[in-house]
Amino acid sequence: MATIRIKRGLQEAVDRLALAQGELAVALDTGNVYVGAQSGNIHLNPKGGTAEEAARLSTERKFSASGDVTAPAVAFDGSANVELVMTLADLAGLSAGTYTKVTVDGKGRVTGGGALEAGDLPDLSGAYVQAGTTVNGKALTGPITLTAEDLGAVAAGEKGASGGVATLDETGRVPSAQLPGFVDDVREFDTRAEFPEAGESGVIYIAKDTNLTYRWSGSLYVEISPSLALGETDSTAFPGDLGKAAYDHSQVTQGNPHGVGFQDVGAAPADHVEQQASAQQLGHVKLGAGFGVNAEGALELSTIDGGTFE
């Protein structure tokens, strides 16, 4: 019987081995078998090789957990999923509850609990209110209420009230409602004729057309200051702003501030002065000696005399 011997050698030379497709080779020192393929050499018998497909493990295994959490062993052969039920171990000497102080280990687990004690707190000397401290004579042992008198302030009920203090409005002025009558009782009307038929005592009435002021005597209006009123009549003073404007205007010495035209002073207009001469009309040019006007109205110099010299 014929003997077939495939290509053979040592394992260290496999990396340099180039097999033809379908050609076999064996490493004699390790027993590894290879076959050539389009993708290169394929190891046919790897140690601990894995089956391409299997329904279950040939040897059943078990999963379990131990340590900080535990779980009973569950058999696993690959045919179905398994679920581990984990249990967190109780800590010895620690029961469920609420603690103001706890102890944890390096894994962040609470390993102890208790109540805070004075020794657990840092020294706060100088960082808190000393016992016996008072504010305006009131002991600072709890919430306190300071009155306006404690602060030297005006009580809210006294602001704008009779016998209290006046307030200021949004413009920084005392509201008229808080002013005495003789300060605020001034009433303006467009004319004297619009004054009420009967006035009020203590009220000043102003006629805006004359700027004259009046008071009610009880039976009629009496002018308070007849000596001076602004206006443009023989019984009034001329407003100063208008007088200043008139004076400043009178001091202008250049230009034409009044807009005076030629018709205002009997002068000829510019186009009249610059009129050109024609056959029918002489231009507005005064002729000197030796000049004349031809039939077309053009200006001509009749004689040109160069003069003499010796």
Protein backbone atom coordinates (compact mmCIF):
# COMPACT_ATOMS: atom_id res chain seq x y z
CA MET A 1 0.00 0.00 0.00
CA ALA A 2 1.27 3.42 -0.94
CA THR A 3 2.12 5.91 1.83
CA ILE A 4 1.01 9.59 1.52
CA ARG A 5 3.21 12.02 3.40
CA ILE A 6 2.02 15.62 3.71
CA LYS A 7 4.27 18.63 4.00
CA ARG A 8 5.94 18.69 7.41
CA GLY A 9 8.30 20.72 9.49
CA LEU A 10 8.70 22.44 12.89
CA GLN A 11 6.26 24.92 14.50
CA GLU A 12 8.73 27.82 14.41
CA ALA A 13 8.72 27.66 10.58
CA VAL A 14 4.91 27.80 10.18
CA ASP A 15 4.88 31.60 9.88
CA ARG A 16 7.05 31.28 6.76
CA LEU A 17 4.94 28.47 5.28
CA ALA A 18 3.03 29.25 2.06
CA LEU A 19 0.57 26.47 1.22
CA ALA A 20 -1.26 26.05 -2.09
CA GLN A 21 -5.04 25.88 -1.84
CA GLY A 22 -5.95 22.40 -0.50
CA GLU A 23 -2.34 21.58 0.39
CA LEU A 24 -1.82 20.14 3.88
CA ALA A 25 1.07 20.62 6.31
CA VAL A 26 1.88 19.49 9.85
CA ALA A 27 4.18 20.82 12.53
CA LEU A 28 5.89 17.67 13.77
CA ASP A 29 6.89 19.09 17.16
CA THR A 30 3.39 20.38 18.11
CA GLY A 31 1.05 18.27 15.95
CA ASN A 32 -0.69 21.37 14.57
CA VAL A 33 -2.20 20.76 11.13
CA TYR A 34 -2.71 23.50 8.48
CA VAL A 35 -4.40 23.70 5.09
CA GLY A 36 -3.95 26.26 2.35
CA ALA A 37 -6.97 28.41 1.41
CA GLN A 38 -7.70 31.60 -0.54
CA SER A 39 -7.30 33.60 2.68
CA GLY A 40 -4.02 31.90 3.63
CA ASN A 41 -3.08 29.08 5.93
CA ILE A 42 -5.85 27.80 8.25
CA HIS A 43 -5.09 26.03 11.54
CA LEU A 44 -7.28 22.94 11.54
CA ASN A 45 -6.77 21.65 15.10
CA PRO A 46 -6.26 24.62 17.46
CA LYS A 47 -5.90 23.75 21.13
CA GLY A 48 -9.27 24.14 22.92
CA GLY A 49 -11.01 24.76 19.64
CA THR A 50 -14.62 26.01 19.54
CA ALA A 51 -17.37 24.29 17.65
CA GLU A 52 -19.02 26.40 14.95
CA GLU A 53 -22.48 25.62 16.38
CA ALA A 54 -23.77 23.75 19.45
CA ALA A 55 -27.13 23.54 21.28
CA ARG A 56 -25.54 23.20 24.71
CA LEU A 57 -22.29 22.83 26.55
CA SER A 58 -20.80 19.37 26.67
CA THR A 59 -20.13 20.00 30.39
CA GLU A 60 -22.68 21.87 32.50
CA ARG A 61 -21.43 24.90 34.48
CA LYS A 62 -22.82 26.90 37.40
CA PHE A 63 -23.07 30.64 38.11
CA SER A 64 -23.13 32.11 41.63
CA ALA A 65 -22.06 35.26 43.53
CA SER A 66 -20.35 35.86 46.85
CA GLY A 67 -18.87 38.74 48.82
CA ASP A 68 -20.80 41.97 49.59
CA VAL A 69 -23.72 40.43 47.66
CA THR A 70 -24.52 36.74 47.39
CA ALA A 71 -26.54 34.59 44.98
CA PRO A 72 -27.16 30.85 45.06
CA ALA A 73 -25.56 28.75 42.30
CA VAL A 74 -27.60 28.34 39.11
CA ALA A 75 -26.80 25.60 36.57
CA PHE A 76 -25.94 26.73 33.02
CA ASP A 77 -25.39 24.52 29.97
CA GLY A 78 -25.93 27.15 27.28
CA SER A 79 -29.41 26.00 26.32
CA ALA A 80 -31.20 28.88 28.16
CA ASN A 81 -30.52 32.15 29.98
CA VAL A 82 -30.05 32.11 33.73
CA GLU A 83 -30.92 34.79 36.33
CA LEU A 84 -29.00 35.34 39.54
CA VAL A 85 -31.03 36.66 42.48
CA MET A 86 -28.63 38.90 44.42
CA THR A 87 -28.86 39.55 48.15
CA LEU A 88 -27.03 42.41 49.90
CA ALA A 89 -25.62 41.14 53.13
CA ASP A 90 -26.78 42.84 56.35
CA LEU A 91 -24.15 44.69 58.38
CA ALA A 92 -23.63 43.36 61.85
CA GLY A 93 -24.85 45.73 64.58
CA LEU A 94 -26.65 48.12 62.17
CA SER A 95 -30.43 48.23 61.90
CA ALA A 96 -32.74 50.20 59.62
CA GLY A 97 -33.40 53.78 60.76
CA THR A 98 -32.46 57.47 60.47
CA TYR A 99 -29.04 58.59 61.68
CA THR A 100 -27.51 62.05 62.06
CA LYS A 101 -24.02 60.58 61.93
CA VAL A 102 -22.85 57.65 59.77
CA THR A 103 -19.61 55.81 59.11
CA VAL A 104 -18.71 54.54 55.64
CA ASP A 105 -15.98 52.24 54.39
CA GLY A 106 -13.72 52.64 51.39
CA LYS A 107 -16.42 51.29 49.08
CA GLY A 108 -18.97 53.87 50.21
CA ARG A 109 -20.98 51.39 52.24
CA VAL A 110 -22.53 52.61 55.49
CA THR A 111 -20.96 50.53 58.21
CA GLY A 112 -22.26 52.36 61.28
CA GLY A 113 -24.73 55.00 62.44
CA GLY A 114 -25.50 57.08 65.50
CA ALA A 115 -26.48 60.52 66.85
CA LEU A 116 -24.33 63.64 66.71
CA GLU A 117 -22.67 64.66 69.93
CA ALA A 118 -21.05 67.92 71.01
CA GLY A 119 -17.63 66.42 70.41
CA ASP A 120 -18.53 65.76 66.77
CA LEU A 121 -18.90 69.49 66.06
CA PRO A 122 -15.95 71.79 65.26
CA ASP A 123 -14.91 74.58 67.60
CA LEU A 124 -16.95 77.65 66.55
CA SER A 125 -15.44 80.08 69.05
CA GLY A 126 -15.76 83.60 67.69
CA ALA A 127 -17.86 82.47 64.74
CA TYR A 128 -21.25 82.63 66.43
CA VAL A 129 -23.30 85.11 68.46
CA GLN A 130 -22.17 85.19 72.04
CA ALA A 131 -24.73 84.41 74.72
CA GLY A 132 -26.27 87.56 76.20
CA THR A 133 -26.01 89.57 72.94
CA THR A 134 -28.77 92.16 72.57
CA VAL A 135 -30.03 94.40 69.77
CA ASN A 136 -31.42 97.74 70.98
CA GLY A 137 -31.78 96.21 74.40
CA LYS A 138 -33.60 93.12 73.15
CA ALA A 139 -31.98 89.77 73.91
CA LEU A 140 -30.95 87.87 70.80
CA THR A 141 -32.23 84.53 72.03
CA GLY A 142 -34.64 84.09 69.14
CA PRO A 143 -36.44 86.10 66.46
CA ILE A 144 -36.87 89.74 67.48
CA THR A 145 -38.96 92.58 66.05
CA LEU A 146 -37.42 96.06 65.90
CA THR A 147 -39.78 99.02 65.92
CA ALA A 148 -39.25 102.38 64.22
CA GLU A 149 -38.41 103.79 67.63
CA ASP A 150 -35.68 101.15 68.07
CA LEU A 151 -34.08 102.29 64.82
CA GLY A 152 -34.67 106.01 65.26
CA ALA A 153 -36.91 105.96 62.19
CA VAL A 154 -40.33 107.40 61.40
CA ALA A 155 -43.20 104.99 61.87
CA ALA A 156 -45.01 104.11 58.65
CA GLY A 157 -48.30 105.33 60.14
CA GLU A 158 -46.84 108.82 60.65
CA LYS A 159 -45.81 109.35 57.03
CA GLY A 160 -48.10 111.85 55.32
CA ALA A 161 -50.42 111.80 58.33
CA SER A 162 -51.63 114.73 60.40
CA GLY A 163 -49.10 115.43 63.12
CA GLY A 164 -46.56 113.18 61.34
CA VAL A 165 -44.01 113.93 58.63
CA ALA A 166 -44.42 114.86 54.98
CA THR A 167 -43.39 112.45 52.24
CA LEU A 168 -41.90 113.02 48.78
CA ASP A 169 -43.46 112.03 45.47
CA GLU A 170 -41.63 110.55 42.46
CA THR A 171 -40.32 114.03 41.53
CA GLY A 172 -38.81 114.61 44.98
CA ARG A 173 -41.49 117.12 46.00
CA VAL A 174 -43.98 117.18 48.85
CA PRO A 175 -47.42 116.21 47.48
CA SER A 176 -49.88 119.12 47.41
CA ALA A 177 -52.26 117.19 49.66
CA GLN A 178 -49.69 117.48 52.47
CA LEU A 179 -49.08 121.23 52.07
CA PRO A 180 -50.94 123.89 54.10
CA GLY A 181 -53.68 125.75 52.24
CA PHE A 182 -51.83 129.07 51.99
CA VAL A 183 -48.97 127.35 50.13
CA ASP A 184 -50.87 125.29 47.61
CA ASP A 185 -54.11 127.23 47.08
CA VAL A 186 -53.23 128.93 43.77
CA ARG A 187 -55.67 128.60 40.89
CA GLU A 188 -55.13 129.69 37.29
CA PHE A 189 -57.73 130.76 34.72
CA ASP A 190 -57.28 131.88 31.12
CA THR A 191 -58.98 135.24 31.80
CA ARG A 192 -60.34 137.24 34.71
CA ALA A 193 -63.84 136.66 33.37
CA GLU A 194 -63.49 132.93 33.96
CA PHE A 195 -62.99 133.29 37.73
CA PRO A 196 -65.80 131.67 39.76
CA GLU A 197 -68.60 134.06 40.68
CA ALA A 198 -67.70 133.72 44.35
CA GLY A 199 -64.14 132.96 45.35
CA GLU A 200 -62.65 131.33 48.44
CA SER A 201 -60.76 132.98 51.23
CA GLY A 202 -57.05 132.15 51.31
CA VAL A 203 -56.91 131.25 47.60
CA ILE A 204 -54.82 133.14 45.03
CA TYR A 205 -56.39 133.53 41.57
CA ILE A 206 -54.28 134.18 38.45
CA ALA A 207 -55.56 135.49 35.10
CA LYS A 208 -53.10 134.00 32.61
CA ASP A 209 -53.83 136.50 29.83
CA THR A 210 -52.60 139.40 31.98
CA ASN A 211 -50.56 137.52 34.62
CA LEU A 212 -52.35 139.56 37.29
CA THR A 213 -53.09 137.97 40.66
CA TYR A 214 -56.20 138.40 42.81
CA ARG A 215 -57.64 137.38 46.16
CA TRP A 216 -61.25 137.05 47.26
CA SER A 217 -62.20 139.72 49.76
CA GLY A 218 -65.50 138.11 50.63
CA SER A 219 -67.51 140.14 48.14
CA LEU A 220 -65.21 140.76 45.16
CA TYR A 221 -61.80 139.95 43.65
CA VAL A 222 -59.03 142.32 44.68
CA GLU A 223 -55.85 142.61 42.63
CA ILE A 224 -52.88 141.71 44.79
CA SER A 225 -50.03 143.22 42.72
CA PRO A 226 -51.33 145.81 40.25
CA SER A 227 -47.91 147.44 39.88
CA LEU A 228 -46.46 144.94 37.40
CA ALA A 229 -47.88 142.58 34.81
CA LEU A 230 -46.39 141.30 31.55
CA GLY A 231 -48.05 142.16 28.26
CA GLU A 232 -48.01 144.49 25.26
CA THR A 233 -50.43 147.18 26.43
CA ASP A 234 -49.82 150.56 28.03
CA SER A 235 -50.57 149.07 31.46
CA THR A 236 -48.19 146.10 31.28
CA ALA A 237 -44.45 145.49 31.21
CA PHE A 238 -42.92 144.14 28.01
CA PRO A 239 -41.56 140.59 28.40
CA GLY A 240 -37.79 140.63 28.88
CA ASP A 241 -37.10 137.74 26.47
CA LEU A 242 -38.85 139.56 23.63
CA GLY A 243 -37.05 142.79 24.46
CA LYS A 244 -33.66 141.09 24.38
CA ALA A 245 -34.44 139.52 20.99
CA ALA A 246 -35.38 142.95 19.58
CA TYR A 247 -32.21 144.53 20.97
CA ASP A 248 -29.92 141.78 19.60
CA HIS A 249 -31.55 142.23 16.17
CA SER A 250 -30.89 145.97 16.21
CA GLN A 251 -27.16 145.39 16.68
CA VAL A 252 -26.70 143.48 13.41
CA THR A 253 -24.61 145.65 11.01
CA GLN A 254 -23.82 143.22 8.20
CA GLY A 255 -25.86 141.26 5.69
CA ASN A 256 -29.56 141.75 5.09
CA PRO A 257 -31.25 140.52 8.31
CA HIS A 258 -34.59 142.14 7.35
CA GLY A 259 -34.69 140.59 3.85
CA VAL A 260 -35.10 143.97 2.10
CA GLY A 261 -35.68 143.66 -1.70
CA PHE A 262 -35.11 146.07 -4.60
CA GLN A 263 -38.80 146.91 -4.68
CA ASP A 264 -38.62 148.05 -1.02
CA VAL A 265 -36.00 150.73 -1.80
CA GLY A 266 -36.97 151.71 -5.40
CA ALA A 267 -33.95 150.02 -7.04
CA ALA A 268 -33.80 148.20 -10.35
CA PRO A 269 -33.69 144.40 -10.27
CA ALA A 270 -30.48 142.60 -11.16
CA ASP A 271 -31.78 141.38 -14.54
CA HIS A 272 -32.70 144.95 -15.44
CA VAL A 273 -29.19 146.25 -14.75
CA GLU A 274 -27.64 143.44 -16.78
CA GLN A 275 -29.96 143.87 -19.85
CA GLN A 276 -28.10 143.47 -23.19
CA ALA A 277 -28.32 146.11 -25.93
CA SER A 278 -30.18 145.35 -29.20
CA ALA A 279 -31.17 147.13 -32.41
CA GLN A 280 -34.37 148.27 -30.76
CA GLN A 281 -33.03 149.02 -27.28
CA LEU A 282 -29.88 150.36 -25.76
CA GLY A 283 -28.36 148.26 -23.06
CA HIS A 284 -28.06 149.74 -19.60
CA VAL A 285 -24.48 150.90 -20.14
CA LYS A 286 -23.35 154.50 -20.05
CA LEU A 287 -21.29 155.28 -23.18
CA GLY A 288 -17.95 156.99 -22.81
CA ALA A 289 -16.07 159.16 -25.31
CA GLY A 290 -15.38 157.41 -28.64
CA PHE A 291 -18.04 154.70 -28.16
CA GLY A 292 -21.29 154.25 -30.11
CA VAL A 293 -24.04 151.75 -30.93
CA ASN A 294 -24.37 150.22 -34.41
CA ALA A 295 -27.58 149.22 -36.23
CA GLU A 296 -27.68 145.87 -34.44
CA GLY A 297 -27.41 147.55 -31.08
CA ALA A 298 -23.81 146.45 -30.53
CA LEU A 299 -21.38 148.76 -28.78
CA GLU A 300 -18.59 150.03 -31.10
CA LEU A 301 -15.45 152.09 -30.58
CA SER A 302 -15.54 154.70 -33.36
CA THR A 303 -11.96 155.90 -33.12
CA ILE A 304 -8.81 154.19 -31.96
CA ASP A 305 -6.02 156.68 -31.44
CA GLY A 306 -2.64 155.30 -30.56
CA GLY A 307 -1.36 158.77 -29.68
CA THR A 308 2.00 160.27 -30.51
CA PHE A 309 5.50 160.34 -29.12
CA GLU A 310 8.60 162.43 -29.78
